[in-house]
Amino acid sequence: MAGTYHFAYGTHDSQYGILRIPDAPGPFPVVVSIHGGFWRQKYDLDENTPLSEDLTDRGYATWNIEYRRTGEDSSGWTGTCQDVVDAINHLAQLESDYNIDLSQVILLGHSAGGHLALWAASRISENVDDYSGSTLLVPIQGVISLAGLADLRKMWRIHSEKGVDSPVSAFIGGSPEEMVESYHAASPIELLPIGARQIIIHGELDENVPADVSNGYHKKAVEQGDDSELIILPEAEHFKIVDPSTQEWETVVGAVESLM
């Protein structure tokens, strides 16, 4: 039973995940791992292979998922988000054969993966607009956002002020002024409260996604009554928190343990 398995959850080449099962007695709690890369095609699930292997070594089953990224057919909003929900729901088809415990599932996403994790977690709330087919059927215990893009409008403004083309525009299909409703429906901060436990972890030295993005999200989450915890790591930049060789990663492991 222990091992690494490749499963498709859809028909597109990017609709698949890697399931890792610990070499231990089950049933196993599950961490759904969602990689970042600003939703761009040149970044794939290999970004999260080290952390997935580390968590599996610690006794968690990990479901490291791929999704359609900008530039691929039907990607961006809404296709990429739908992929993530479909990938999570696919766990129900793996439960009996791989002894995974669907009463203990959490989502963990880094950067753009943090955006996708928070968005997917919002599918359990009755307070958000529904999208055909995007219902989360597998219950989750909580969500961990690691330097996540929790506020798409703010991230777009940050890029605009730097004078660079924003990958947020490529993902959504335009600027906040051009795509008002899409930003409202796709940005986690605008979907609060989501009704899930959330741990928001961010490096204070992050220049890719400034910590203020998480600060603002957490503040609003608490104001809206969500169970949200914010952890700012003073010596961390964008990637330390997903590097299992760092002390910052131990903070992430502690967050995983606290949600299970």
Protein backbone atom coordinates (compact mmCIF):
# COMPACT_ATOMS: atom_id res chain seq x y z
CA MET A 1 0.00 0.00 0.00
CA ALA A 2 2.79 2.44 0.83
CA GLY A 3 4.12 4.17 -2.25
CA THR A 4 3.64 6.88 -4.84
CA TYR A 5 0.73 6.75 -7.28
CA HIS A 6 -0.29 8.83 -10.31
CA PHE A 7 -4.02 9.40 -10.85
CA ALA A 8 -5.93 11.44 -13.40
CA TYR A 9 -8.99 13.29 -12.14
CA GLY A 10 -9.92 14.59 -15.63
CA THR A 11 -9.10 14.14 -19.29
CA HIS A 12 -6.65 17.02 -19.81
CA ASP A 13 -2.94 16.23 -19.46
CA SER A 14 -2.70 18.64 -16.52
CA GLN A 15 -5.64 17.15 -14.61
CA TYR A 16 -3.82 14.69 -12.40
CA GLY A 17 -2.27 14.30 -8.98
CA ILE A 18 0.41 12.33 -7.18
CA LEU A 19 -0.81 10.40 -4.15
CA ARG A 20 1.83 9.43 -1.59
CA ILE A 21 0.96 6.88 1.08
CA PRO A 22 3.11 6.49 4.23
CA ASP A 23 4.81 3.25 5.15
CA ALA A 24 2.74 2.89 8.32
CA PRO A 25 -0.63 1.59 9.51
CA GLY A 26 -3.58 3.66 8.30
CA PRO A 27 -6.04 5.16 7.90
CA PHE A 28 -4.06 8.25 6.94
CA PRO A 29 -5.00 11.91 7.28
CA VAL A 30 -4.61 13.72 3.97
CA VAL A 31 -2.83 16.94 3.04
CA VAL A 32 -3.86 18.28 -0.36
CA SER A 33 -0.80 20.09 -1.71
CA ILE A 34 -1.36 22.91 -4.22
CA HIS A 35 1.70 24.43 -5.86
CA GLY A 36 2.27 28.05 -6.84
CA GLY A 37 3.92 29.87 -9.72
CA PHE A 38 1.33 32.60 -10.40
CA TRP A 39 -0.78 29.98 -12.22
CA ARG A 40 1.81 29.92 -15.05
CA GLN A 41 2.45 26.84 -17.14
CA LYS A 42 6.21 26.75 -16.59
CA TYR A 43 5.64 25.87 -12.92
CA ASP A 44 4.21 22.50 -12.03
CA LEU A 45 3.56 20.20 -9.10
CA ASP A 46 7.25 19.36 -8.82
CA GLU A 47 7.49 22.66 -6.91
CA ASN A 48 5.75 20.89 -4.03
CA THR A 49 7.38 17.47 -4.31
CA PRO A 50 9.88 18.02 -1.43
CA LEU A 51 7.24 19.17 1.03
CA SER A 52 4.88 16.39 -0.02
CA GLU A 53 7.58 13.79 0.54
CA ASP A 54 8.41 15.29 3.93
CA LEU A 55 4.79 15.25 5.09
CA THR A 56 4.36 11.67 3.90
CA ASP A 57 7.46 10.69 5.87
CA ARG A 58 5.72 12.20 8.91
CA GLY A 59 2.67 9.95 8.47
CA TYR A 60 0.36 11.99 6.24
CA ALA A 61 -0.98 10.89 2.91
CA THR A 62 -0.34 13.70 0.45
CA TRP A 63 -2.29 14.46 -2.71
CA ASN A 64 -0.03 16.77 -4.72
CA ILE A 65 -2.25 18.09 -7.48
CA GLU A 66 -1.65 19.56 -10.89
CA TYR A 67 -4.11 21.88 -12.60
CA ARG A 68 -4.50 23.69 -15.91
CA ARG A 69 -2.35 26.82 -15.88
CA THR A 70 -2.57 29.99 -17.95
CA GLY A 71 -1.79 29.20 -21.57
CA GLU A 72 -3.46 25.79 -21.44
CA ASP A 73 -6.95 25.04 -22.78
CA SER A 74 -9.78 26.44 -20.63
CA SER A 75 -7.37 27.55 -17.91
CA GLY A 76 -7.51 30.61 -15.68
CA TRP A 77 -10.78 31.74 -14.21
CA THR A 78 -12.84 29.57 -13.88
CA GLY A 79 -11.22 26.42 -15.27
CA THR A 80 -8.18 26.35 -13.00
CA CYS A 81 -10.32 26.75 -9.89
CA GLN A 82 -12.70 24.05 -11.07
CA ASP A 83 -9.72 21.71 -11.53
CA VAL A 84 -8.72 22.13 -7.90
CA VAL A 85 -12.21 21.31 -6.65
CA ASP A 86 -12.39 18.29 -8.96
CA ALA A 87 -8.98 17.09 -7.74
CA ILE A 88 -10.05 17.33 -4.10
CA ASN A 89 -13.33 15.55 -4.82
CA HIS A 90 -11.40 12.76 -6.56
CA LEU A 91 -10.12 11.67 -3.15
CA ALA A 92 -13.50 10.00 -2.60
CA GLN A 93 -12.63 7.53 -5.38
CA LEU A 94 -9.30 6.69 -3.74
CA GLU A 95 -10.49 6.34 -0.15
CA SER A 96 -11.17 2.62 0.12
CA ASP A 97 -8.24 1.33 -1.94
CA TYR A 98 -5.60 3.51 -0.28
CA ASN A 99 -6.88 3.68 3.30
CA ILE A 100 -7.08 7.47 3.45
CA ASP A 101 -9.21 9.16 6.09
CA LEU A 102 -11.58 11.65 4.49
CA SER A 103 -12.64 12.94 7.89
CA GLN A 104 -9.14 14.41 8.20
CA VAL A 105 -8.37 16.39 5.06
CA ILE A 106 -6.68 19.78 4.92
CA LEU A 107 -5.66 22.02 2.03
CA LEU A 108 -2.16 23.49 1.86
CA GLY A 109 -1.24 25.93 -0.87
CA HIS A 110 1.77 28.12 -1.61
CA SER A 111 1.60 31.47 -3.44
CA ALA A 112 -0.95 31.03 -6.25
CA GLY A 113 -1.64 27.66 -4.66
CA GLY A 114 -2.60 29.54 -1.50
CA HIS A 115 -5.15 31.45 -3.54
CA LEU A 116 -6.51 28.19 -4.95
CA ALA A 117 -6.62 26.54 -1.52
CA LEU A 118 -8.55 29.43 0.03
CA TRP A 119 -10.89 29.61 -2.95
CA ALA A 120 -11.58 25.88 -2.82
CA ALA A 121 -12.20 26.09 0.93
CA SER A 122 -14.85 28.74 0.25
CA ARG A 123 -16.89 26.10 -1.59
CA ILE A 124 -18.06 24.77 1.79
CA SER A 125 -19.72 28.06 2.70
CA GLU A 126 -23.36 28.86 2.02
CA ASN A 127 -22.50 32.56 1.93
CA VAL A 128 -20.73 32.55 -1.44
CA ASP A 129 -22.08 32.46 -4.96
CA ASP A 130 -22.15 28.96 -6.38
CA TYR A 131 -20.72 27.85 -9.70
CA SER A 132 -22.00 24.88 -11.61
CA GLY A 133 -19.99 21.82 -10.72
CA SER A 134 -17.76 23.55 -8.17
CA THR A 135 -19.25 22.06 -4.99
CA LEU A 136 -16.65 20.67 -2.59
CA LEU A 137 -17.89 17.17 -1.79
CA VAL A 138 -15.00 16.10 0.43
CA PRO A 139 -15.16 17.80 3.85
CA ILE A 140 -12.05 19.64 4.96
CA GLN A 141 -10.68 20.29 8.44
CA GLY A 142 -9.03 23.54 7.44
CA VAL A 143 -6.76 25.35 5.03
CA ILE A 144 -3.18 26.61 5.24
CA SER A 145 -2.16 29.49 2.99
CA LEU A 146 1.59 29.92 2.58
CA ALA A 147 2.36 33.36 1.13
CA GLY A 148 -0.97 33.04 -0.61
CA LEU A 149 -2.50 35.44 -3.12
CA ALA A 150 -5.51 36.02 -0.91
CA ASP A 151 -6.39 39.41 -2.43
CA LEU A 152 -6.24 39.47 -6.22
CA ARG A 153 -7.09 43.16 -6.59
CA LYS A 154 -4.31 44.14 -4.20
CA MET A 155 -1.84 41.86 -5.98
CA TRP A 156 -2.80 43.37 -9.32
CA ARG A 157 -2.22 46.88 -7.92
CA ILE A 158 1.19 45.88 -6.57
CA HIS A 159 2.25 44.68 -10.00
CA SER A 160 0.77 47.76 -11.66
CA GLU A 161 2.69 50.09 -9.34
CA LYS A 162 5.89 48.23 -10.26
CA GLY A 163 5.12 48.73 -13.94
CA VAL A 164 5.00 45.02 -14.74
CA ASP A 165 2.36 42.94 -16.47
CA SER A 166 0.42 41.18 -13.76
CA PRO A 167 -0.08 37.42 -13.99
CA VAL A 168 -3.33 38.12 -12.16
CA SER A 169 -4.62 39.78 -15.35
CA ALA A 170 -3.63 36.72 -17.37
CA PHE A 171 -5.40 34.45 -14.89
CA ILE A 172 -8.63 36.46 -14.65
CA GLY A 173 -8.66 37.76 -18.20
CA GLY A 174 -8.18 41.47 -17.57
CA SER A 175 -7.75 44.20 -14.97
CA PRO A 176 -10.02 44.73 -11.94
CA GLU A 177 -11.73 47.57 -13.79
CA GLU A 178 -12.37 45.39 -16.83
CA MET A 179 -13.43 42.24 -14.96
CA VAL A 180 -15.21 43.50 -11.85
CA GLU A 181 -17.44 40.48 -11.25
CA SER A 182 -14.70 37.96 -11.98
CA TYR A 183 -12.38 39.51 -9.40
CA HIS A 184 -15.21 39.50 -6.90
CA ALA A 185 -15.92 35.82 -7.51
CA ALA A 186 -12.29 34.65 -7.71
CA SER A 187 -10.57 36.60 -4.92
CA PRO A 188 -10.66 34.88 -1.50
CA ILE A 189 -10.81 38.14 0.47
CA GLU A 190 -14.07 38.97 -1.28
CA LEU A 191 -15.60 35.60 -0.40
CA LEU A 192 -15.25 35.96 3.37
CA PRO A 193 -16.47 34.48 5.60
CA ILE A 194 -15.66 31.06 4.15
CA GLY A 195 -16.52 29.06 7.26
CA ALA A 196 -13.31 27.03 7.39
CA ARG A 197 -10.44 27.12 9.86
CA GLN A 198 -7.56 29.01 8.31
CA ILE A 199 -3.89 29.37 9.15
CA ILE A 200 -2.19 32.11 7.17
CA ILE A 201 1.62 31.94 7.12
CA HIS A 202 3.79 34.55 5.42
CA GLY A 203 7.42 35.62 5.42
CA GLU A 204 8.02 39.23 6.38
CA LEU A 205 10.83 39.45 3.80
CA ASP A 206 8.67 38.20 0.93
CA GLU A 207 9.12 40.37 -2.17
CA ASN A 208 7.12 38.15 -4.53
CA VAL A 209 3.91 38.41 -2.53
CA PRO A 210 4.20 41.08 0.18
CA ALA A 211 3.07 40.05 3.65
CA ASP A 212 0.53 42.88 3.61
CA VAL A 213 -1.59 40.71 1.32
CA SER A 214 -2.00 38.15 4.12
CA ASN A 215 -2.28 40.81 6.82
CA GLY A 216 -5.26 42.40 5.12
CA TYR A 217 -6.92 39.06 4.43
CA HIS A 218 -6.55 37.84 8.00
CA LYS A 219 -7.88 41.10 9.43
CA LYS A 220 -11.02 40.88 7.33
CA ALA A 221 -11.44 37.15 8.03
CA VAL A 222 -11.48 37.80 11.77
CA GLU A 223 -13.84 40.76 11.36
CA GLN A 224 -16.20 38.49 9.40
CA GLY A 225 -16.15 35.86 12.15
CA ASP A 226 -13.91 33.25 10.56
CA ASP A 227 -11.46 31.16 12.60
CA SER A 228 -8.22 32.58 11.19
CA GLU A 229 -4.69 32.56 12.60
CA LEU A 230 -1.91 34.69 11.13
CA ILE A 231 1.76 33.74 11.51
CA ILE A 232 4.38 36.18 10.20
CA LEU A 233 7.89 34.72 10.00
CA PRO A 234 10.40 37.57 10.40
CA GLU A 235 13.37 35.95 8.62
CA ALA A 236 11.50 34.28 5.76
CA GLU A 237 11.19 35.28 2.11
CA HIS A 238 8.87 33.64 -0.41
CA PHE A 239 10.33 30.14 -0.57
CA LYS A 240 11.69 29.30 2.88
CA ILE A 241 8.26 28.29 4.12
CA VAL A 242 8.06 25.47 1.57
CA ASP A 243 11.62 24.22 2.04
CA PRO A 244 11.67 21.20 4.39
CA SER A 245 15.30 21.88 5.30
CA THR A 246 14.43 25.17 7.05
CA GLN A 247 13.20 26.00 10.53
CA GLU A 248 10.33 27.91 8.93
CA TRP A 249 9.03 24.65 7.52
CA GLU A 250 8.66 23.31 11.05
CA THR A 251 6.16 26.11 11.65
CA VAL A 252 4.16 24.82 8.70
CA VAL A 253 4.30 21.26 10.04
CA GLY A 254 2.99 22.55 13.36
CA ALA A 255 0.10 24.19 11.52
CA VAL A 256 -0.73 20.92 9.77
CA GLU A 257 -0.73 19.08 13.09
CA SER A 258 -2.98 21.67 14.71
CA LEU A 259 -5.66 21.29 12.03
CA MET A 260 -5.85 17.50 12.12
